[in-house]
Amino acid sequence: MRDVHVVRHPLVQHKLTLMRETERSTKGFRQLLNEIGMLLCYEVTRDLPLEDVEIATPLAPMQAPKLAGKKLVFAPILRAGMGFVDGMLDLVPSARVAHIGLYRDPKTLLAVEYYFKAPPDVADRLVIVLDPMLATANSAVAAIDRLKERGCHDLRLVCLLAAPEGIERFHGAHPEVPIWTAAIDSHLDEHGYIVPGLGDAGDRMFGTK
């Protein structure tokens, strides 16, 4: 699919399989989501720009590469998106964090916003939106809508699982925003859940129903 990057690294695929298992504990699921978030972060940031700077090693001065420009922003969609944040911040500890509070109305499946907080200069930064499940894509589309309203233009989406229907809906609304995911599953069921999927990521992460 256009502008959809499926991360097929063996560690990502192995951890995803463990997360799918029904008997996986809440603690185990949360830990795996943290770990796989770090691995997905490695992939989504592999083309960040670098600039050479002057440093001194214990033996000699040299020109060496560092990240260029303003620090990036991780923007988890609450609440399940928070499962990615700690692992990604371990990898990019200088990143800023925006929070986008959305929930899915159980009847309409549409996203309802209840919270938004971002760095004041978020429009000048690369923003990586985090949402484990790209199912109907209503939450992801709404999150990108809110960020664009605030001037953001350099945007990427990271998810754990995606459904073909979700990808189509997302790129129908935001065709220029690339997606990184660990897998594209078969389809959505009548309740808007990804099949075979792994259930509700938020519920499994927090032990709720």
N, C-alpha and C. Protein backbone atom coordinates (compact mmCIF):
# COMPACT_ATOMS: atom_id res chain seq x y z
N MET A 1 0.84 -1.19 0.00
CA MET A 1 0.00 0.00 0.00
C MET A 1 0.88 1.25 0.00
N ARG A 2 0.42 2.30 -0.65
CA ARG A 2 1.19 3.52 -0.79
C ARG A 2 1.46 4.17 0.57
N ASP A 3 2.74 4.47 0.80
CA ASP A 3 3.16 5.19 2.01
C ASP A 3 2.76 4.48 3.29
N VAL A 4 2.74 3.14 3.24
CA VAL A 4 2.54 2.33 4.45
C VAL A 4 3.77 1.45 4.62
N HIS A 5 4.45 1.60 5.74
CA HIS A 5 5.69 0.88 6.00
C HIS A 5 5.42 -0.21 7.03
N VAL A 6 5.47 -1.47 6.60
CA VAL A 6 5.28 -2.59 7.51
C VAL A 6 6.64 -3.03 8.02
N VAL A 7 6.83 -2.94 9.34
CA VAL A 7 8.12 -3.25 9.95
C VAL A 7 8.19 -4.76 10.18
N ARG A 8 9.00 -5.43 9.39
CA ARG A 8 9.05 -6.89 9.42
C ARG A 8 10.26 -7.42 10.20
N HIS A 9 10.89 -6.58 11.00
CA HIS A 9 12.02 -7.03 11.79
C HIS A 9 11.60 -8.23 12.66
N PRO A 10 12.44 -9.26 12.75
CA PRO A 10 12.05 -10.46 13.51
C PRO A 10 11.65 -10.18 14.96
N LEU A 11 12.33 -9.25 15.64
CA LEU A 11 11.96 -8.95 17.02
C LEU A 11 10.58 -8.31 17.11
N VAL A 12 10.27 -7.46 16.15
CA VAL A 12 8.94 -6.84 16.13
C VAL A 12 7.87 -7.90 15.92
N GLN A 13 8.09 -8.78 14.96
CA GLN A 13 7.09 -9.80 14.66
C GLN A 13 6.93 -10.79 15.82
N HIS A 14 8.04 -11.15 16.45
CA HIS A 14 7.99 -12.06 17.59
C HIS A 14 7.20 -11.45 18.75
N LYS A 15 7.50 -10.20 19.08
CA LYS A 15 6.82 -9.53 20.20
C LYS A 15 5.34 -9.33 19.89
N LEU A 16 5.02 -9.04 18.64
CA LEU A 16 3.62 -8.88 18.26
C LEU A 16 2.85 -10.18 18.46
N THR A 17 3.46 -11.30 18.09
CA THR A 17 2.81 -12.59 18.29
C THR A 17 2.53 -12.85 19.77
N LEU A 18 3.49 -12.52 20.63
CA LEU A 18 3.28 -12.69 22.06
C LEU A 18 2.13 -11.81 22.55
N MET A 19 2.02 -10.61 22.03
CA MET A 19 0.95 -9.69 22.44
C MET A 19 -0.42 -10.17 21.99
N ARG A 20 -0.48 -10.87 20.90
CA ARG A 20 -1.78 -11.35 20.38
C ARG A 20 -2.37 -12.45 21.27
N GLU A 21 -1.53 -13.19 21.98
CA GLU A 21 -1.99 -14.37 22.72
C GLU A 21 -2.97 -13.99 23.82
N THR A 22 -4.08 -14.70 23.87
CA THR A 22 -5.14 -14.40 24.84
C THR A 22 -4.66 -14.47 26.28
N GLU A 23 -3.76 -15.41 26.58
CA GLU A 23 -3.34 -15.61 27.96
C GLU A 23 -2.26 -14.63 28.42
N ARG A 24 -1.82 -13.75 27.57
CA ARG A 24 -0.77 -12.79 27.96
C ARG A 24 -1.29 -11.90 29.09
N SER A 25 -0.51 -11.75 30.15
CA SER A 25 -0.94 -10.96 31.31
C SER A 25 -0.94 -9.47 30.99
N THR A 26 -1.62 -8.70 31.81
CA THR A 26 -1.61 -7.24 31.65
C THR A 26 -0.19 -6.71 31.74
N LYS A 27 0.56 -7.17 32.73
CA LYS A 27 1.95 -6.75 32.88
C LYS A 27 2.77 -7.11 31.65
N GLY A 28 2.61 -8.33 31.16
CA GLY A 28 3.36 -8.77 29.99
C GLY A 28 2.99 -7.99 28.75
N PHE A 29 1.69 -7.74 28.58
CA PHE A 29 1.24 -6.98 27.41
C PHE A 29 1.83 -5.57 27.44
N ARG A 30 1.78 -4.94 28.60
CA ARG A 30 2.28 -3.57 28.74
C ARG A 30 3.78 -3.50 28.47
N GLN A 31 4.52 -4.47 28.98
CA GLN A 31 5.96 -4.50 28.75
C GLN A 31 6.29 -4.70 27.28
N LEU A 32 5.57 -5.60 26.63
CA LEU A 32 5.81 -5.85 25.22
C LEU A 32 5.48 -4.63 24.37
N LEU A 33 4.41 -3.92 24.72
CA LEU A 33 4.04 -2.71 23.98
C LEU A 33 5.13 -1.65 24.12
N ASN A 34 5.71 -1.56 25.31
CA ASN A 34 6.82 -0.65 25.54
C ASN A 34 8.02 -1.02 24.66
N GLU A 35 8.35 -2.30 24.63
CA GLU A 35 9.50 -2.77 23.86
C GLU A 35 9.29 -2.59 22.36
N ILE A 36 8.10 -2.95 21.88
CA ILE A 36 7.84 -2.84 20.45
C ILE A 36 7.74 -1.38 20.02
N GLY A 37 7.32 -0.52 20.96
CA GLY A 37 7.31 0.91 20.67
C GLY A 37 8.70 1.44 20.40
N MET A 38 9.68 0.98 21.16
CA MET A 38 11.06 1.40 20.94
C MET A 38 11.54 0.95 19.56
N LEU A 39 11.21 -0.29 19.19
CA LEU A 39 11.65 -0.81 17.89
C LEU A 39 10.97 -0.07 16.74
N LEU A 40 9.68 0.25 16.88
CA LEU A 40 9.00 1.01 15.84
C LEU A 40 9.55 2.43 15.75
N CYS A 41 9.93 2.98 16.90
CA CYS A 41 10.53 4.33 16.91
C CYS A 41 11.82 4.35 16.10
N TYR A 42 12.61 3.31 16.24
CA TYR A 42 13.85 3.19 15.47
C TYR A 42 13.56 3.28 13.97
N GLU A 43 12.49 2.63 13.53
CA GLU A 43 12.16 2.62 12.11
C GLU A 43 11.60 3.96 11.63
N VAL A 44 10.70 4.57 12.41
CA VAL A 44 10.05 5.80 11.95
C VAL A 44 11.00 6.99 11.97
N THR A 45 12.12 6.88 12.70
CA THR A 45 13.07 8.00 12.78
C THR A 45 14.34 7.76 11.97
N ARG A 46 14.39 6.74 11.17
CA ARG A 46 15.64 6.39 10.51
C ARG A 46 16.10 7.44 9.49
N ASP A 47 15.23 8.35 9.06
CA ASP A 47 15.64 9.37 8.09
C ASP A 47 15.70 10.77 8.69
N LEU A 48 15.79 10.88 10.03
CA LEU A 48 15.90 12.21 10.63
C LEU A 48 17.16 12.90 10.13
N PRO A 49 17.10 14.22 9.89
CA PRO A 49 18.26 14.93 9.36
C PRO A 49 19.38 15.06 10.39
N LEU A 50 20.63 15.03 9.91
CA LEU A 50 21.81 15.17 10.74
C LEU A 50 22.61 16.38 10.30
N GLU A 51 23.40 16.91 11.21
CA GLU A 51 24.35 17.97 10.88
C GLU A 51 25.66 17.67 11.60
N ASP A 52 26.79 18.01 10.96
CA ASP A 52 28.08 17.78 11.58
C ASP A 52 28.40 18.92 12.55
N VAL A 53 28.88 18.54 13.74
CA VAL A 53 29.28 19.52 14.75
C VAL A 53 30.69 19.19 15.22
N GLU A 54 31.35 20.19 15.76
CA GLU A 54 32.71 20.00 16.27
C GLU A 54 32.64 19.46 17.70
N ILE A 55 33.32 18.34 17.94
CA ILE A 55 33.41 17.78 19.29
C ILE A 55 34.87 17.42 19.58
N ALA A 56 35.14 17.12 20.84
CA ALA A 56 36.47 16.65 21.21
C ALA A 56 36.33 15.27 21.82
N THR A 57 37.01 14.29 21.25
CA THR A 57 37.10 12.97 21.86
C THR A 57 38.28 12.98 22.83
N PRO A 58 38.49 11.92 23.62
CA PRO A 58 39.67 11.89 24.49
C PRO A 58 41.00 11.96 23.75
N LEU A 59 40.96 11.72 22.43
CA LEU A 59 42.20 11.69 21.67
C LEU A 59 42.37 12.86 20.70
N ALA A 60 41.25 13.39 20.16
CA ALA A 60 41.40 14.43 19.14
C ALA A 60 40.06 15.10 18.88
N PRO A 61 40.10 16.35 18.36
CA PRO A 61 38.86 16.98 17.90
C PRO A 61 38.39 16.34 16.60
N MET A 62 37.08 16.44 16.33
CA MET A 62 36.56 15.87 15.09
C MET A 62 35.21 16.49 14.76
N GLN A 63 34.79 16.31 13.53
CA GLN A 63 33.44 16.62 13.09
C GLN A 63 32.61 15.35 13.21
N ALA A 64 31.47 15.43 13.90
CA ALA A 64 30.63 14.24 14.10
C ALA A 64 29.17 14.61 13.94
N PRO A 65 28.32 13.66 13.51
CA PRO A 65 26.91 13.98 13.25
C PRO A 65 26.05 14.01 14.51
N LYS A 66 25.17 14.99 14.58
CA LYS A 66 24.12 15.07 15.59
C LYS A 66 22.81 15.38 14.90
N LEU A 67 21.70 15.10 15.59
CA LEU A 67 20.39 15.42 15.02
C LEU A 67 20.28 16.92 14.79
N ALA A 68 19.71 17.28 13.65
CA ALA A 68 19.58 18.68 13.27
C ALA A 68 18.15 19.16 13.52
N GLY A 69 18.01 20.47 13.74
CA GLY A 69 16.69 21.07 13.87
C GLY A 69 16.08 20.89 15.24
N LYS A 70 14.80 21.25 15.35
CA LYS A 70 14.10 21.17 16.63
C LYS A 70 13.79 19.72 17.00
N LYS A 71 13.68 19.48 18.28
CA LYS A 71 13.37 18.14 18.76
C LYS A 71 11.97 17.73 18.29
N LEU A 72 11.82 16.43 18.03
CA LEU A 72 10.53 15.95 17.53
C LEU A 72 9.53 15.84 18.67
N VAL A 73 8.27 15.60 18.31
CA VAL A 73 7.17 15.48 19.27
C VAL A 73 6.51 14.12 19.10
N PHE A 74 6.36 13.40 20.20
CA PHE A 74 5.52 12.20 20.22
C PHE A 74 4.12 12.63 20.66
N ALA A 75 3.11 12.22 19.92
CA ALA A 75 1.74 12.63 20.23
C ALA A 75 0.86 11.38 20.39
N PRO A 76 0.85 10.78 21.59
CA PRO A 76 -0.01 9.61 21.81
C PRO A 76 -1.48 10.00 21.86
N ILE A 77 -2.31 9.17 21.24
CA ILE A 77 -3.76 9.31 21.38
C ILE A 77 -4.15 8.55 22.65
N LEU A 78 -4.72 9.28 23.62
CA LEU A 78 -5.07 8.67 24.89
C LEU A 78 -6.25 7.71 24.71
N ARG A 79 -6.21 6.56 25.36
CA ARG A 79 -5.23 6.27 26.37
C ARG A 79 -4.18 5.25 25.90
N ALA A 80 -4.56 4.42 24.92
CA ALA A 80 -3.69 3.31 24.51
C ALA A 80 -2.37 3.79 23.93
N GLY A 81 -2.35 4.95 23.30
CA GLY A 81 -1.11 5.46 22.71
C GLY A 81 -0.01 5.68 23.72
N MET A 82 -0.39 5.85 25.01
CA MET A 82 0.62 6.05 26.05
C MET A 82 1.52 4.82 26.20
N GLY A 83 1.05 3.66 25.76
CA GLY A 83 1.86 2.45 25.88
C GLY A 83 3.13 2.50 25.07
N PHE A 84 3.18 3.35 24.05
CA PHE A 84 4.37 3.50 23.22
C PHE A 84 5.39 4.48 23.81
N VAL A 85 4.92 5.39 24.65
CA VAL A 85 5.71 6.60 24.95
C VAL A 85 6.99 6.31 25.70
N ASP A 86 6.95 5.51 26.76
CA ASP A 86 8.15 5.29 27.57
C ASP A 86 9.28 4.67 26.75
N GLY A 87 8.95 3.67 25.94
CA GLY A 87 9.97 3.04 25.11
C GLY A 87 10.56 4.00 24.11
N MET A 88 9.73 4.85 23.53
CA MET A 88 10.22 5.81 22.55
C MET A 88 11.06 6.90 23.21
N LEU A 89 10.65 7.33 24.42
CA LEU A 89 11.45 8.33 25.13
C LEU A 89 12.78 7.76 25.60
N ASP A 90 12.84 6.47 25.87
CA ASP A 90 14.13 5.84 26.18
C ASP A 90 15.09 5.99 25.01
N LEU A 91 14.54 5.93 23.80
CA LEU A 91 15.36 6.03 22.59
C LEU A 91 15.64 7.49 22.22
N VAL A 92 14.65 8.36 22.42
CA VAL A 92 14.79 9.79 22.08
C VAL A 92 14.39 10.61 23.31
N PRO A 93 15.25 10.66 24.33
CA PRO A 93 14.86 11.28 25.60
C PRO A 93 14.62 12.79 25.52
N SER A 94 15.11 13.44 24.47
CA SER A 94 14.92 14.89 24.35
C SER A 94 13.62 15.26 23.64
N ALA A 95 12.86 14.28 23.19
CA ALA A 95 11.62 14.56 22.48
C ALA A 95 10.60 15.21 23.39
N ARG A 96 9.73 16.03 22.80
CA ARG A 96 8.59 16.60 23.52
C ARG A 96 7.42 15.62 23.41
N VAL A 97 6.42 15.78 24.27
CA VAL A 97 5.24 14.91 24.23
C VAL A 97 3.98 15.77 24.21
N ALA A 98 3.14 15.55 23.22
CA ALA A 98 1.80 16.13 23.16
C ALA A 98 0.81 15.04 23.57
N HIS A 99 -0.33 15.44 24.12
CA HIS A 99 -1.36 14.47 24.51
C HIS A 99 -2.67 14.82 23.79
N ILE A 100 -3.24 13.81 23.14
CA ILE A 100 -4.49 14.01 22.42
C ILE A 100 -5.52 13.04 23.00
N GLY A 101 -6.52 13.59 23.70
CA GLY A 101 -7.54 12.76 24.33
C GLY A 101 -8.73 12.56 23.42
N LEU A 102 -8.90 11.33 22.96
CA LEU A 102 -10.03 10.98 22.10
C LEU A 102 -10.59 9.64 22.58
N TYR A 103 -11.91 9.49 22.51
CA TYR A 103 -12.49 8.17 22.73
C TYR A 103 -13.48 7.87 21.62
N ARG A 104 -13.69 6.58 21.39
CA ARG A 104 -14.58 6.14 20.32
C ARG A 104 -15.98 5.95 20.85
N ASP A 105 -16.95 6.72 20.32
CA ASP A 105 -18.33 6.55 20.71
C ASP A 105 -18.77 5.13 20.33
N PRO A 106 -19.26 4.35 21.30
CA PRO A 106 -19.57 2.94 21.02
C PRO A 106 -20.70 2.74 20.01
N LYS A 107 -21.54 3.74 19.83
CA LYS A 107 -22.65 3.59 18.89
C LYS A 107 -22.28 4.05 17.48
N THR A 108 -21.65 5.24 17.40
CA THR A 108 -21.33 5.78 16.07
C THR A 108 -19.94 5.40 15.61
N LEU A 109 -19.07 4.95 16.54
CA LEU A 109 -17.65 4.65 16.30
C LEU A 109 -16.85 5.90 15.94
N LEU A 110 -17.44 7.09 16.07
CA LEU A 110 -16.75 8.34 15.77
C LEU A 110 -15.91 8.78 16.96
N ALA A 111 -14.84 9.52 16.68
CA ALA A 111 -13.93 9.99 17.73
C ALA A 111 -14.48 11.25 18.39
N VAL A 112 -14.44 11.26 19.72
CA VAL A 112 -14.89 12.41 20.50
C VAL A 112 -13.68 12.96 21.26
N GLU A 113 -13.36 14.24 21.07
CA GLU A 113 -12.19 14.84 21.73
C GLU A 113 -12.56 15.32 23.13
N TYR A 114 -11.66 15.05 24.11
CA TYR A 114 -11.87 15.56 25.46
C TYR A 114 -10.63 16.25 26.02
N TYR A 115 -9.49 16.17 25.31
CA TYR A 115 -8.27 16.80 25.84
C TYR A 115 -7.27 17.00 24.71
N PHE A 116 -6.55 18.14 24.75
CA PHE A 116 -5.45 18.38 23.81
C PHE A 116 -4.44 19.28 24.49
N LYS A 117 -3.18 18.85 24.52
CA LYS A 117 -2.10 19.65 25.10
C LYS A 117 -0.83 19.36 24.31
N ALA A 118 -0.19 20.42 23.77
CA ALA A 118 0.98 20.24 22.94
C ALA A 118 1.97 21.37 23.18
N PRO A 119 3.25 21.19 22.84
CA PRO A 119 4.21 22.29 22.95
C PRO A 119 3.72 23.49 22.14
N PRO A 120 3.99 24.70 22.59
CA PRO A 120 3.49 25.89 21.89
C PRO A 120 4.00 26.02 20.45
N ASP A 121 5.19 25.46 20.18
CA ASP A 121 5.75 25.54 18.83
C ASP A 121 5.61 24.21 18.08
N VAL A 122 4.58 23.45 18.41
CA VAL A 122 4.41 22.12 17.80
C VAL A 122 4.37 22.19 16.28
N ALA A 123 3.88 23.29 15.72
CA ALA A 123 3.78 23.41 14.27
C ALA A 123 5.14 23.42 13.59
N ASP A 124 6.20 23.72 14.34
CA ASP A 124 7.55 23.80 13.77
C ASP A 124 8.32 22.50 13.91
N ARG A 125 7.69 21.47 14.41
CA ARG A 125 8.38 20.21 14.71
C ARG A 125 7.78 19.04 13.94
N LEU A 126 8.60 17.99 13.77
CA LEU A 126 8.08 16.71 13.30
C LEU A 126 7.24 16.11 14.41
N VAL A 127 5.99 15.74 14.09
CA VAL A 127 5.08 15.16 15.08
C VAL A 127 4.78 13.72 14.68
N ILE A 128 5.05 12.80 15.60
CA ILE A 128 4.78 11.38 15.37
C ILE A 128 3.58 10.99 16.24
N VAL A 129 2.46 10.72 15.58
CA VAL A 129 1.22 10.37 16.27
C VAL A 129 1.24 8.88 16.59
N LEU A 130 0.85 8.53 17.82
CA LEU A 130 0.94 7.15 18.30
C LEU A 130 -0.45 6.62 18.65
N ASP A 131 -0.84 5.52 18.00
CA ASP A 131 -2.12 4.88 18.28
C ASP A 131 -1.98 3.40 17.95
N PRO A 132 -2.00 2.50 18.94
CA PRO A 132 -1.71 1.10 18.66
C PRO A 132 -2.58 0.46 17.58
N MET A 133 -3.88 0.83 17.51
CA MET A 133 -4.78 0.14 16.59
C MET A 133 -5.34 1.12 15.56
N LEU A 134 -5.02 0.91 14.30
CA LEU A 134 -5.63 1.68 13.21
C LEU A 134 -6.77 0.83 12.66
N ALA A 135 -7.93 0.95 13.30
CA ALA A 135 -9.09 0.12 12.96
C ALA A 135 -10.01 0.90 12.02
N THR A 136 -10.98 1.62 12.58
CA THR A 136 -11.81 2.48 11.73
C THR A 136 -11.03 3.71 11.27
N ALA A 137 -9.97 4.04 11.99
CA ALA A 137 -9.11 5.23 11.73
C ALA A 137 -9.77 6.54 12.14
N ASN A 138 -10.94 6.48 12.74
CA ASN A 138 -11.61 7.73 13.12
C ASN A 138 -10.79 8.54 14.12
N SER A 139 -10.19 7.87 15.10
CA SER A 139 -9.37 8.58 16.09
C SER A 139 -8.12 9.15 15.46
N ALA A 140 -7.46 8.37 14.63
CA ALA A 140 -6.23 8.85 13.98
C ALA A 140 -6.52 10.03 13.06
N VAL A 141 -7.59 9.95 12.30
CA VAL A 141 -7.97 11.07 11.42
C VAL A 141 -8.27 12.31 12.25
N ALA A 142 -9.02 12.14 13.34
CA ALA A 142 -9.37 13.28 14.19
C ALA A 142 -8.12 13.90 14.81
N ALA A 143 -7.16 13.05 15.25
CA ALA A 143 -5.92 13.57 15.84
C ALA A 143 -5.12 14.38 14.83
N ILE A 144 -5.00 13.88 13.62
CA ILE A 144 -4.27 14.63 12.59
C ILE A 144 -5.02 15.92 12.25
N ASP A 145 -6.35 15.86 12.21
CA ASP A 145 -7.14 17.08 11.98
C ASP A 145 -6.79 18.15 13.01
N ARG A 146 -6.76 17.75 14.31
CA ARG A 146 -6.48 18.72 15.38
C ARG A 146 -5.09 19.30 15.24
N LEU A 147 -4.12 18.46 14.89
CA LEU A 147 -2.74 18.93 14.75
C LEU A 147 -2.60 19.87 13.56
N LYS A 148 -3.27 19.55 12.46
CA LYS A 148 -3.22 20.44 11.30
C LYS A 148 -3.87 21.78 11.61
N GLU A 149 -4.95 21.76 12.41
CA GLU A 149 -5.59 23.02 12.81
C GLU A 149 -4.63 23.92 13.57
N ARG A 150 -3.63 23.31 14.20
CA ARG A 150 -2.64 24.07 14.96
C ARG A 150 -1.38 24.31 14.15
N GLY A 151 -1.45 24.08 12.85
CA GLY A 151 -0.37 24.43 11.94
C GLY A 151 0.64 23.35 11.64
N CYS A 152 0.45 22.14 12.19
CA CYS A 152 1.41 21.06 11.95
C CYS A 152 1.34 20.59 10.50
N HIS A 153 2.51 20.34 9.93
CA HIS A 153 2.54 19.89 8.54
C HIS A 153 3.49 18.71 8.32
N ASP A 154 4.40 18.47 9.28
CA ASP A 154 5.34 17.34 9.18
C ASP A 154 4.86 16.27 10.15
N LEU A 155 4.07 15.33 9.64
CA LEU A 155 3.35 14.38 10.49
C LEU A 155 3.58 12.95 10.04
N ARG A 156 3.64 12.04 11.01
CA ARG A 156 3.75 10.61 10.74
C ARG A 156 2.86 9.88 11.75
N LEU A 157 2.41 8.68 11.37
CA LEU A 157 1.56 7.87 12.25
C LEU A 157 2.24 6.53 12.50
N VAL A 158 2.32 6.14 13.77
CA VAL A 158 2.82 4.83 14.16
C VAL A 158 1.71 4.05 14.83
N CYS A 159 1.46 2.83 14.37
CA CYS A 159 0.48 1.95 15.00
C CYS A 159 1.06 0.55 15.09
N LEU A 160 0.49 -0.24 15.96
CA LEU A 160 0.91 -1.63 16.13
C LEU A 160 0.26 -2.51 15.07
N LEU A 161 -1.04 -2.35 14.89
CA LEU A 161 -1.81 -3.12 13.91
C LEU A 161 -2.66 -2.17 13.09
N ALA A 162 -2.88 -2.52 11.83
CA ALA A 162 -3.76 -1.75 10.96
C ALA A 162 -4.69 -2.69 10.22
N ALA A 163 -5.89 -2.22 9.94
CA ALA A 163 -6.83 -2.93 9.07
C ALA A 163 -6.85 -2.23 7.71
N PRO A 164 -7.08 -2.97 6.64
CA PRO A 164 -7.14 -2.33 5.32
C PRO A 164 -8.16 -1.20 5.27
N GLU A 165 -9.30 -1.39 5.95
CA GLU A 165 -10.33 -0.35 5.96
C GLU A 165 -9.81 0.92 6.64
N GLY A 166 -9.03 0.74 7.71
CA GLY A 166 -8.49 1.88 8.42
C GLY A 166 -7.47 2.64 7.60
N ILE A 167 -6.61 1.91 6.90
CA ILE A 167 -5.61 2.55 6.04
C ILE A 167 -6.30 3.35 4.94
N GLU A 168 -7.32 2.76 4.32
CA GLU A 168 -8.04 3.45 3.25
C GLU A 168 -8.71 4.72 3.77
N ARG A 169 -9.36 4.61 4.92
CA ARG A 169 -10.01 5.78 5.51
C ARG A 169 -9.00 6.86 5.89
N PHE A 170 -7.89 6.46 6.50
CA PHE A 170 -6.89 7.42 6.94
C PHE A 170 -6.27 8.16 5.76
N HIS A 171 -5.86 7.41 4.75
CA HIS A 171 -5.23 8.06 3.59
C HIS A 171 -6.24 8.77 2.70
N GLY A 172 -7.52 8.44 2.83
CA GLY A 172 -8.53 9.23 2.15
C GLY A 172 -8.63 10.63 2.73
N ALA A 173 -8.40 10.74 4.06
CA ALA A 173 -8.46 12.03 4.74
C ALA A 173 -7.13 12.75 4.74
N HIS A 174 -6.04 11.98 4.88
CA HIS A 174 -4.70 12.58 4.99
C HIS A 174 -3.71 11.79 4.13
N PRO A 175 -3.80 11.93 2.83
CA PRO A 175 -3.00 11.09 1.93
C PRO A 175 -1.50 11.31 2.03
N GLU A 176 -1.08 12.46 2.55
CA GLU A 176 0.35 12.76 2.60
C GLU A 176 1.04 12.28 3.88
N VAL A 177 0.27 11.74 4.83
CA VAL A 177 0.84 11.32 6.11
C VAL A 177 1.21 9.84 6.05
N PRO A 178 2.49 9.50 6.15
CA PRO A 178 2.89 8.10 6.07
C PRO A 178 2.57 7.34 7.36
N ILE A 179 2.44 6.02 7.21
CA ILE A 179 2.07 5.12 8.31
C ILE A 179 3.19 4.10 8.50
N TRP A 180 3.54 3.85 9.77
CA TRP A 180 4.41 2.74 10.13
C TRP A 180 3.61 1.79 11.01
N THR A 181 3.65 0.49 10.71
CA THR A 181 2.89 -0.50 11.47
C THR A 181 3.64 -1.81 11.50
N ALA A 182 3.33 -2.65 12.50
CA ALA A 182 3.95 -3.97 12.59
C ALA A 182 3.23 -5.00 11.72
N ALA A 183 1.96 -4.78 11.41
CA ALA A 183 1.21 -5.75 10.60
C ALA A 183 -0.07 -5.11 10.07
N ILE A 184 -0.51 -5.61 8.92
CA ILE A 184 -1.82 -5.27 8.36
C ILE A 184 -2.65 -6.54 8.44
N ASP A 185 -3.69 -6.53 9.27
CA ASP A 185 -4.52 -7.71 9.49
C ASP A 185 -5.62 -7.82 8.43
N SER A 186 -6.50 -8.80 8.61
CA SER A 186 -7.46 -9.16 7.57
C SER A 186 -8.55 -8.12 7.34
N HIS A 187 -9.30 -7.78 8.41
CA HIS A 187 -10.48 -6.93 8.23
C HIS A 187 -11.00 -6.45 9.59
N LEU A 188 -12.05 -5.63 9.55
CA LEU A 188 -12.75 -5.22 10.76
C LEU A 188 -14.02 -6.06 10.92
N ASP A 189 -14.36 -6.37 12.18
CA ASP A 189 -15.63 -7.04 12.41
C ASP A 189 -16.76 -6.01 12.52
N GLU A 190 -17.97 -6.45 12.84
CA GLU A 190 -19.14 -5.56 12.84
C GLU A 190 -19.07 -4.53 13.97
N HIS A 191 -18.17 -4.74 14.94
CA HIS A 191 -18.01 -3.78 16.04
C HIS A 191 -16.82 -2.85 15.83
N GLY A 192 -16.16 -2.96 14.69
CA GLY A 192 -15.04 -2.09 14.39
C GLY A 192 -13.72 -2.54 15.00
N TYR A 193 -13.62 -3.83 15.37
CA TYR A 193 -12.37 -4.36 15.90
C TYR A 193 -11.59 -5.07 14.80
N ILE A 194 -10.26 -5.00 14.91
CA ILE A 194 -9.39 -5.64 13.93
C ILE A 194 -9.39 -7.14 14.14
N VAL A 195 -9.52 -7.89 13.03
CA VAL A 195 -9.50 -9.36 13.05
C VAL A 195 -8.30 -9.84 12.22
N PRO A 196 -7.46 -10.78 12.71
CA PRO A 196 -7.55 -11.45 14.01
C PRO A 196 -7.16 -10.56 15.19
N GLY A 197 -6.33 -9.55 14.96
CA GLY A 197 -6.07 -8.52 15.95
C GLY A 197 -5.50 -9.03 17.26
N LEU A 198 -5.78 -8.29 18.33
CA LEU A 198 -5.34 -8.68 19.67
C LEU A 198 -6.31 -8.18 20.74
N GLY A 199 -7.52 -7.81 20.33
CA GLY A 199 -8.50 -7.27 21.26
C GLY A 199 -8.35 -5.77 21.40
N ASP A 200 -8.86 -5.23 22.50
CA ASP A 200 -8.76 -3.79 22.76
C ASP A 200 -7.43 -3.51 23.45
N ALA A 201 -6.54 -2.77 22.77
CA ALA A 201 -5.19 -2.55 23.30
C ALA A 201 -5.23 -1.80 24.63
N GLY A 202 -6.10 -0.81 24.76
CA GLY A 202 -6.18 -0.06 26.00
C GLY A 202 -6.63 -0.93 27.16
N ASP A 203 -7.66 -1.74 26.93
CA ASP A 203 -8.14 -2.63 27.99
C ASP A 203 -7.07 -3.63 28.40
N ARG A 204 -6.36 -4.18 27.43
CA ARG A 204 -5.36 -5.18 27.74
C ARG A 204 -4.15 -4.56 28.45
N MET A 205 -3.87 -3.32 28.13
CA MET A 205 -2.73 -2.63 28.73
C MET A 205 -3.02 -2.23 30.18
N PHE A 206 -4.26 -1.82 30.46
CA PHE A 206 -4.61 -1.31 31.78
C PHE A 206 -5.43 -2.30 32.61
N GLY A 207 -5.79 -3.44 32.05
CA GLY A 207 -6.56 -4.43 32.81
C GLY A 207 -8.00 -4.04 33.02
N THR A 208 -8.58 -3.32 32.06
CA THR A 208 -9.98 -2.88 32.15
C THR A 208 -10.80 -3.58 31.08
N LYS A 209 -12.11 -3.33 31.13
CA LYS A 209 -13.02 -3.88 30.13
C LYS A 209 -14.02 -2.82 29.71
